[in-house]
Protein backbone atom coordinates (compact mmCIF):
# COMPACT_ATOMS: atom_id res chain seq x y z
CA MET A 1 -22.93 8.37 23.75
CA THR A 2 -22.13 5.55 21.17
CA LEU A 3 -18.59 3.89 20.25
CA VAL A 4 -18.19 6.65 17.35
CA GLN A 5 -19.25 8.90 19.23
CA LYS A 6 -16.71 8.72 22.03
CA ILE A 7 -14.07 8.36 19.74
CA LEU A 8 -14.75 11.53 18.07
CA LEU A 9 -14.67 13.46 20.96
CA LEU A 10 -11.91 12.00 22.21
CA SER A 11 -10.61 13.27 18.69
CA LEU A 12 -10.47 16.41 19.20
CA THR A 13 -8.67 16.38 22.59
CA VAL A 14 -6.06 14.23 21.67
CA THR A 15 -3.49 12.84 18.62
CA LEU A 16 -4.78 9.82 18.42
CA VAL A 17 -2.11 7.78 16.86
CA SER A 18 1.80 8.61 16.52
CA SER A 19 4.18 5.80 15.95
CA CYS A 20 4.57 2.39 14.76
CA GLN A 21 8.23 0.49 13.83
CA ASN A 22 8.51 -2.49 12.58
CA ILE A 23 11.75 -4.72 12.07
CA ARG A 24 13.39 -8.12 10.72
CA VAL A 25 15.60 -9.96 12.25
CA ARG A 26 17.56 -12.75 11.19
CA ALA A 27 19.57 -15.65 12.91
CA THR A 28 22.87 -17.42 11.10
CA ASP A 29 20.59 -20.93 11.64
CA GLY A 30 18.34 -19.23 8.76
CA SER A 31 15.63 -18.33 11.74
CA VAL A 32 13.62 -15.19 10.96
CA VAL A 33 11.79 -12.71 13.23
CA VAL A 34 9.95 -9.58 13.41
CA GLY A 35 9.12 -6.90 15.99
CA ARG A 36 6.57 -4.67 15.36
CA SER A 37 5.04 -1.60 17.59
CA MET A 38 1.60 -0.46 18.19
CA GLU A 39 1.56 3.75 19.44
CA PHE A 40 -2.11 4.89 20.13
CA ALA A 41 -3.42 7.20 22.66
CA GLN A 42 -4.98 7.15 26.37
CA LEU A 43 -8.37 6.84 25.25
CA PRO A 44 -10.15 7.74 29.31
CA GLY A 45 -13.22 6.81 29.41
CA LEU A 46 -13.16 3.57 27.54
CA ASP A 47 -12.95 -0.37 27.63
CA VAL A 48 -10.09 -0.53 25.29
CA GLN A 49 -8.22 -4.62 24.54
CA THR A 50 -5.94 -5.93 21.73
CA TYR A 51 -6.70 -9.46 21.46
CA LEU A 52 -4.57 -11.75 18.80
CA PHE A 53 -7.19 -13.99 17.06
CA SER A 54 -6.55 -17.77 16.03
CA GLU A 55 -7.99 -18.45 13.12
CA PRO A 56 -8.16 -22.20 11.59
CA ALA A 57 -8.01 -22.46 8.17
CA GLY A 58 -10.74 -22.51 5.28
CA THR A 59 -11.87 -19.62 7.61
CA THR A 60 -14.22 -17.23 5.03
CA TYR A 61 -13.93 -13.53 5.62
CA THR A 62 -16.87 -11.42 4.56
CA MET A 63 -15.60 -7.47 3.47
CA ALA A 64 -18.34 -4.80 4.10
CA ALA A 65 -21.56 -3.77 1.49
CA LEU A 66 -20.79 -1.83 -1.42
CA PRO A 67 -22.82 0.75 -3.09
CA ASN A 68 -22.18 0.09 -6.70
CA CYS A 69 -21.26 -3.69 -6.15
CA GLU A 70 -24.67 -6.57 -6.04
CA ALA A 71 -22.61 -8.42 -3.12
CA PRO A 72 -19.44 -7.78 -0.72
CA THR A 73 -16.35 -9.60 -1.61
CA THR A 74 -15.49 -13.19 0.39
CA PHE A 75 -12.54 -14.83 0.52
CA SER A 76 -11.53 -18.31 2.93
CA SER A 77 -7.43 -18.28 4.32
CA LYS A 78 -5.79 -20.70 2.84
CA TYR A 79 -3.70 -20.80 6.20
CA LYS A 80 -4.37 -20.32 9.79
CA ILE A 81 -3.93 -17.10 10.96
CA GLY A 82 -2.73 -15.20 14.49
CA ARG A 83 -4.24 -11.45 14.03
CA LEU A 84 -4.27 -8.58 16.41
CA MET A 85 -7.59 -6.96 16.30
CA VAL A 86 -8.88 -3.86 18.69
CA ASP A 87 -11.85 -4.37 21.29
CA PHE A 88 -13.19 -0.80 22.24
CA ASP A 89 -15.80 -0.94 24.28
CA GLY A 90 -17.08 -4.55 23.69
CA VAL A 91 -16.80 -3.79 19.86
CA ILE A 92 -14.06 -4.79 17.79
CA LEU A 93 -12.52 -2.43 15.03
CA ASN A 94 -12.38 -3.24 11.51
CA SER A 95 -8.40 -2.81 11.05
CA THR A 96 -5.99 -5.78 11.18
CA MET A 97 -3.12 -3.85 12.61
CA GLY A 98 -0.87 -7.33 12.36
CA GLY A 99 -0.56 -10.56 11.60
CA ILE A 100 1.36 -14.00 11.35
CA SER A 101 0.26 -16.93 9.50
CA SER A 102 1.30 -21.13 10.37
CA ALA A 103 2.39 -20.44 6.41
CA GLY A 104 5.49 -18.48 7.86
CA MET A 105 4.37 -14.89 6.57
CA SER A 106 4.37 -11.59 9.11
CA GLY A 107 2.19 -8.69 7.68
CA SER A 108 1.39 -5.17 9.80
CA ALA A 109 -0.33 -1.90 9.14
CA LEU A 110 1.85 0.87 10.30
CA TYR A 111 0.27 4.57 10.03
CA PHE A 112 1.38 6.54 7.49
CA THR A 113 -1.07 10.07 7.65
CA THR A 114 -0.99 12.57 5.16
CA CYS A 115 0.47 10.49 2.31
CA ALA A 116 -1.85 7.18 2.49
CA LYS A 117 -3.96 7.76 -0.50
CA PHE A 118 -6.74 5.12 -1.57
CA PRO A 119 -10.04 5.20 -3.76
CA PRO A 120 -13.31 5.91 -2.68
CA LYS A 121 -15.72 2.65 -1.71
CA ASP A 122 -18.23 4.39 -4.89
CA THR A 123 -15.28 3.42 -7.04
CA VAL A 124 -15.59 -0.23 -7.09
CA MET A 125 -17.92 -1.47 -9.40
CA GLY A 126 -17.89 -3.52 -12.29
CA ASP A 127 -15.44 -6.21 -12.24
CA LYS A 128 -13.41 -4.99 -9.40
CA CYS A 129 -16.51 -6.09 -7.29
CA PRO A 130 -15.49 -9.42 -6.66
CA ASN A 131 -11.87 -8.98 -6.10
CA ALA A 132 -12.31 -5.58 -3.69
CA ILE A 133 -11.38 -4.86 -0.04
CA PRO A 134 -10.71 -2.43 2.24
CA GLN A 135 -7.02 -0.95 3.15
CA THR A 136 -8.00 -1.74 7.00
CA ASN A 137 -7.90 -5.63 5.98
CA VAL A 138 -4.91 -5.73 3.62
CA VAL A 139 -3.20 -7.38 6.35
CA LEU A 140 -6.00 -10.09 6.34
CA TRP A 141 -5.94 -10.86 2.57
CA VAL A 142 -1.81 -11.32 2.51
CA LEU A 143 -1.74 -13.69 5.10
CA ALA A 144 -5.03 -15.36 4.20
CA ASN A 145 -3.51 -15.98 0.74
CA TYR A 146 -0.19 -16.53 0.51
CA GLY A 147 2.73 -18.79 1.58
CA SER A 148 5.58 -16.22 0.80
CA VAL A 149 6.83 -13.11 -0.05
CA SER A 150 7.29 -14.35 -3.83
CA GLU A 151 4.05 -15.49 -4.25
CA LEU A 152 2.49 -11.92 -3.08
CA ASN A 153 5.11 -10.06 -5.31
CA GLU A 154 4.16 -12.31 -8.11
CA ASP A 155 0.26 -10.80 -7.88
CA LEU A 156 1.18 -7.43 -6.74
CA LYS A 157 3.17 -7.45 -10.09
CA LYS A 158 0.15 -7.97 -12.14
CA LYS A 159 -1.33 -3.98 -12.01
CA GLY A 160 -4.95 -3.79 -12.95
CA ASP A 161 -5.33 -7.16 -12.79
CA PHE A 162 -7.85 -7.53 -9.82
CA THR A 163 -8.43 -11.22 -9.72
CA ALA A 164 -4.45 -11.42 -8.69
CA PHE A 165 -4.15 -8.46 -5.97
CA PRO A 166 -7.76 -7.08 -4.62
CA TYR A 167 -8.67 -3.59 -5.68
CA VAL A 168 -8.32 -1.42 -2.08
CA TRP A 169 -10.53 0.93 -1.19
CA ASP A 170 -10.74 3.07 1.48
CA GLN A 171 -13.03 1.97 4.98
CA GLY A 172 -13.13 4.26 7.98
CA ASP A 173 -12.04 3.12 11.64
CA LEU A 174 -11.98 4.39 14.86
CA GLY A 175 -14.49 6.51 14.45
CA LEU A 176 -12.51 8.16 11.75
CA GLU A 177 -13.30 8.55 7.88
CA SER A 178 -10.27 7.12 6.98
CA ILE A 179 -7.50 4.90 8.12
CA PRO A 180 -4.23 6.39 6.50
CA VAL A 181 -1.84 2.92 6.82
CA HIS A 182 1.62 1.47 4.50
CA PHE A 183 2.34 -2.28 4.89
CA ALA A 184 5.21 -4.33 5.70
CA PHE A 185 5.30 -8.14 4.37
CA HIS A 186 8.10 -10.43 5.57
CA ASP A 187 8.55 -14.70 5.06
CA ALA A 188 10.31 -17.40 6.86
CA ASP A 189 12.88 -17.08 4.16
CA GLY A 190 13.89 -13.28 4.55
CA LYS A 191 12.38 -11.78 2.27
CA SER A 192 10.49 -8.41 3.07
CA ILE A 193 8.24 -5.68 0.92
CA VAL A 194 6.90 -2.43 1.80
CA LEU A 195 3.73 -1.74 0.27
CA GLU A 196 1.96 1.98 -0.09
CA TYR A 197 -0.64 3.23 -1.49
CA THR A 198 -0.41 6.49 -2.58
CA LYS A 199 -0.80 9.85 -4.89
CA HIS A 200 0.63 8.32 -7.42
CA GLY A 201 -0.46 4.71 -6.70
CA ARG A 202 0.65 1.14 -5.59
CA LYS A 203 3.96 1.10 -5.13
CA VAL A 204 5.92 -1.80 -4.08
CA TYR A 205 9.91 -1.45 -2.35
CA PRO A 206 11.73 -4.48 -0.98
CA ASN A 207 12.36 -4.03 2.20
CA THR A 208 16.06 -4.84 1.95
CA VAL A 209 17.36 -3.45 5.17
CA GLY A 210 14.66 -4.97 7.14
CA VAL A 211 12.81 -1.60 9.07
CA MET A 212 10.12 0.28 8.43
CA THR A 213 8.30 2.93 10.56
CA ASN A 214 5.72 5.58 9.45
CA SER A 215 5.45 8.74 7.15
CA PRO A 216 6.93 9.85 4.31
CA GLU A 217 6.91 7.41 2.23
CA TYR A 218 9.97 4.44 1.69
CA SER A 219 11.74 6.15 -0.61
CA TRP A 220 11.97 8.95 1.20
CA HIS A 221 12.95 7.30 4.49
CA MET A 222 16.18 5.15 2.64
CA ASP A 223 17.35 8.58 0.52
CA ASN A 224 17.81 9.46 4.04
CA LEU A 225 19.70 7.01 5.11
CA ARG A 226 22.64 8.62 3.43
CA ASN A 227 22.95 11.12 5.44
CA TYR A 228 24.15 8.85 8.18
CA PRO A 229 27.77 7.49 6.22
CA GLN A 230 29.12 7.22 9.55
CA VAL A 231 27.20 4.92 11.20
CA ARG A 232 28.94 1.56 12.23
CA ARG A 233 29.22 -0.79 14.89
CA LYS A 234 32.84 -0.25 15.31
CA ASP A 235 33.82 2.88 17.48
CA TRP A 236 35.91 5.60 15.88
CA PRO A 237 39.95 6.41 16.77
CA GLY A 238 38.93 10.40 18.27
CA PHE A 239 39.80 13.10 17.09
CA LYS A 240 43.10 13.97 15.30
CA TRP A 241 44.96 17.11 14.67
CA THR A 242 48.39 18.40 13.47
CA TYR A 243 49.74 22.01 14.68
CA ASN A 244 53.61 22.81 14.24
CA SER A 245 54.26 19.59 12.83
CA MET A 246 53.23 17.99 16.48
CA LYS A 247 50.28 15.27 15.90
CA TYR A 248 47.79 15.67 18.31
CA LYS A 249 44.98 12.64 19.18
CA GLN A 250 41.71 12.91 21.52
CA GLN A 251 40.88 9.79 22.87
CA PRO A 252 36.92 9.16 23.62
CA PHE A 253 37.05 7.59 27.38
CA TRP A 254 33.65 5.59 26.63
CA SER A 255 32.38 3.19 23.87
CA GLY A 256 29.73 3.67 21.58
CA THR A 257 31.47 6.55 19.35
CA GLY A 258 30.94 4.85 15.96
CA LEU A 259 26.80 5.20 16.67
CA SER A 260 27.43 8.93 17.17
CA GLY A 261 24.89 11.17 15.03
CA ILE A 262 22.19 8.82 15.00
CA PRO A 263 18.82 10.81 16.84
CA GLY A 264 16.94 9.63 19.63
CA ASP A 265 14.45 11.16 18.90
CA TYR A 266 10.25 9.77 18.34
CA SER A 267 9.55 11.12 14.92
CA SER A 268 9.04 8.88 12.71
CA PRO A 269 12.55 9.72 10.46
CA SER A 270 15.09 9.34 13.30
CA ARG A 271 12.93 5.95 14.79
CA PHE A 272 14.00 4.32 11.14
CA ILE A 273 17.31 6.32 10.91
CA LYS A 274 17.82 4.53 14.93
CA ALA A 275 15.89 0.90 14.27
CA ALA A 276 18.62 0.71 10.69
CA ALA A 277 21.48 1.19 12.46
CA GLN A 278 20.92 -1.31 14.68
CA VAL A 279 19.10 -3.69 13.24
CA THR A 280 22.58 -3.71 10.69
CA ASN A 281 25.13 -3.26 12.88
CA ILE A 282 23.93 -6.18 15.94
CA THR A 283 25.69 -9.21 15.98
CA PRO A 284 23.55 -11.67 14.51
CA PRO A 285 21.93 -13.74 17.25
CA LYS A 286 22.41 -17.66 16.05
CA ASN A 287 19.27 -19.39 16.45
CA ALA A 288 15.33 -18.41 16.98
CA ASP A 289 15.39 -18.00 20.32
CA GLN A 290 18.07 -15.83 20.45
CA ALA A 291 16.69 -13.83 17.78
CA VAL A 292 13.07 -13.09 19.89
CA VAL A 293 15.20 -12.01 22.93
CA GLN A 294 17.05 -9.52 20.90
CA ALA A 295 13.84 -7.95 18.72
CA PHE A 296 12.79 -7.52 21.97
CA HIS A 297 16.06 -5.38 23.09
CA LEU A 298 15.92 -4.02 19.77
CA MET A 299 12.25 -2.69 20.32
CA ASN A 300 13.22 -1.60 23.78
CA ALA A 301 14.97 1.13 22.10
CA ALA A 302 11.47 2.39 20.21
CA ASP A 303 9.24 2.14 23.42
CA ILE A 304 7.16 5.39 24.42
CA PRO A 305 6.37 6.65 27.58
CA LEU A 306 2.94 7.41 28.28
CA GLY A 307 3.09 10.89 28.45
CA ILE A 308 6.43 12.13 27.53
CA ILE A 309 4.86 13.15 23.81
CA GLU A 310 2.29 15.78 23.29
CA GLY A 311 0.88 17.05 20.15
CA PRO A 312 -0.90 19.31 18.49
CA HIS A 313 -4.39 17.80 19.59
CA GLY A 314 -2.94 17.30 22.94
CA PRO A 315 -1.55 14.29 24.32
CA GLY A 316 -0.03 12.18 21.97
CA GLY A 317 0.74 8.32 21.97
CA PHE A 318 2.50 5.70 23.92
CA THR A 319 3.08 2.68 23.00
CA TRP A 320 0.18 -0.32 23.94
CA TRP A 321 2.39 -3.34 23.40
CA SER A 322 5.08 -5.04 21.61
CA THR A 323 5.22 -8.17 19.64
CA VAL A 324 7.39 -10.10 18.06
CA HIS A 325 6.78 -13.03 15.40
CA ASP A 326 8.94 -15.92 14.97
CA VAL A 327 7.76 -16.72 11.36
CA THR A 328 10.18 -20.12 11.61
CA ARG A 329 8.58 -21.73 14.54
CA ARG A 330 4.97 -20.01 13.29
CA CYS A 331 4.81 -18.62 17.01
CA ALA A 332 3.70 -14.69 18.39
CA TYR A 333 5.57 -13.01 21.37
CA LEU A 334 3.22 -10.87 23.12
CA ARG A 335 3.80 -7.74 25.72
CA GLY A 336 1.65 -4.97 26.93
CA TYR A 337 2.69 -1.75 28.50
CA ARG A 338 1.04 -2.47 32.40
CA ASN A 339 1.35 -6.51 32.31
CA LEU A 340 5.39 -6.92 31.27
CA ALA A 341 5.63 -10.24 31.06
CA VAL A 342 6.34 -11.54 27.41
CA LYS A 343 3.72 -14.03 26.39
CA ARG A 344 3.90 -16.61 23.63
CA VAL A 345 1.03 -18.12 21.17
CA CYS A 346 2.35 -20.69 18.89
CA LEU A 347 -0.16 -21.31 16.40
CA ASP A 348 0.33 -24.98 15.93
CA ASN A 349 -1.19 -24.97 19.35
CA THR A 350 -4.20 -23.74 18.58
CA SER A 351 -7.14 -24.89 17.41
CA ASP A 352 -8.01 -26.63 13.55
CA GLU A 353 -11.85 -26.25 14.46
CA GLU A 354 -12.80 -22.50 16.11
CA GLU A 355 -11.41 -18.99 16.76
CA GLU A 356 -9.73 -18.08 19.87
CA ARG A 357 -8.62 -14.75 21.17
CA PHE A 358 -5.64 -14.31 23.56
CA LEU A 359 -5.64 -11.16 25.23
CA VAL A 360 -2.24 -9.09 24.64
CA ASP A 361 -1.88 -6.94 28.07
CA ASP A 362 -4.56 -7.88 31.13
CA GLY A 363 -3.42 -4.24 32.68
CA ASP A 364 -2.20 -6.88 35.71
CA PHE A 365 1.37 -5.17 36.82
CA ASP A 366 1.34 -7.68 39.05
CA GLY A 367 0.51 -10.72 37.35
CA GLY A 368 3.81 -9.67 35.38
CA ILE A 369 6.77 -9.65 37.53
CA VAL A 370 8.29 -12.59 38.86
CA LYS A 371 8.61 -12.78 43.00
CA LEU A 372 11.57 -13.39 44.39
CA ASN A 373 11.28 -12.59 48.04
């Protein structure tokens, strides 16, 4: 049985993808870190690994061949890139799930089911051919070509000019005909945007709240924040009323009432609200070290244990891994599901001459434990 056949068979019995989360944390000294989780189903019978690939500046990338173009799009990176890719049974898949660049850019592709809409590959022809990329490599393109969100925004404003930002077409992956994703980008100045392709075309949103999850559209999530005006860090004083001209008050015996009403389930809208409430109400960390620690704790709140979700086609997703990108110091922090140790890869310390790969989760539970006796 081929890899594609294996994944297609599994797609009939499991819910392949359920959720992802992306958050931004900014320290008082200006340091910026970005947290991201990856949720996917358990895939029995497949050897599945995620690697961080470090690739030098100047690396040349060739996109897939297209039926109406003489040659595929190729480009070379301006910056060194550390990007996350999945290995299924020894085959590296097309999709760049996320990454960080030596310019201090962070990018993530998050699942965007039922909402994403990309034109098919046979629409790529004529003047689109020299600069056409699949949605599976939008994150790669951005990390390779842009040093800031402001630079990226300038090109995204030039709609229809594919010499500025490429024509994005629909490519299959994971044995599926299409991979529905949207994108979150952040830079070392703390600027952030969300990029979406829907039936309405390409949309770009300033991500001021610093949070992204999955479907529906980012604009819907932002409107949904209006339903939670009571959320704040400070505790509420208690329930008050008047009866027979006497004033009464019931004071809670616990703390945390300021965050009463934030949802706790694993749906995309609920995770967005919870993440936004947390990110915007935490005490700002002082520096990058504290921001990395804070980001991992915030990501813990979205962690999905294996087996707690059952989707329409069987077992749902769980948190394969979480990453924190320190875009100020150009370092990626990686933590898997089984090996709970946090691993760090700093781009300044990776090769300037050749590709290197770093395993996110080696599955060694004991290796992630510090033994005190």
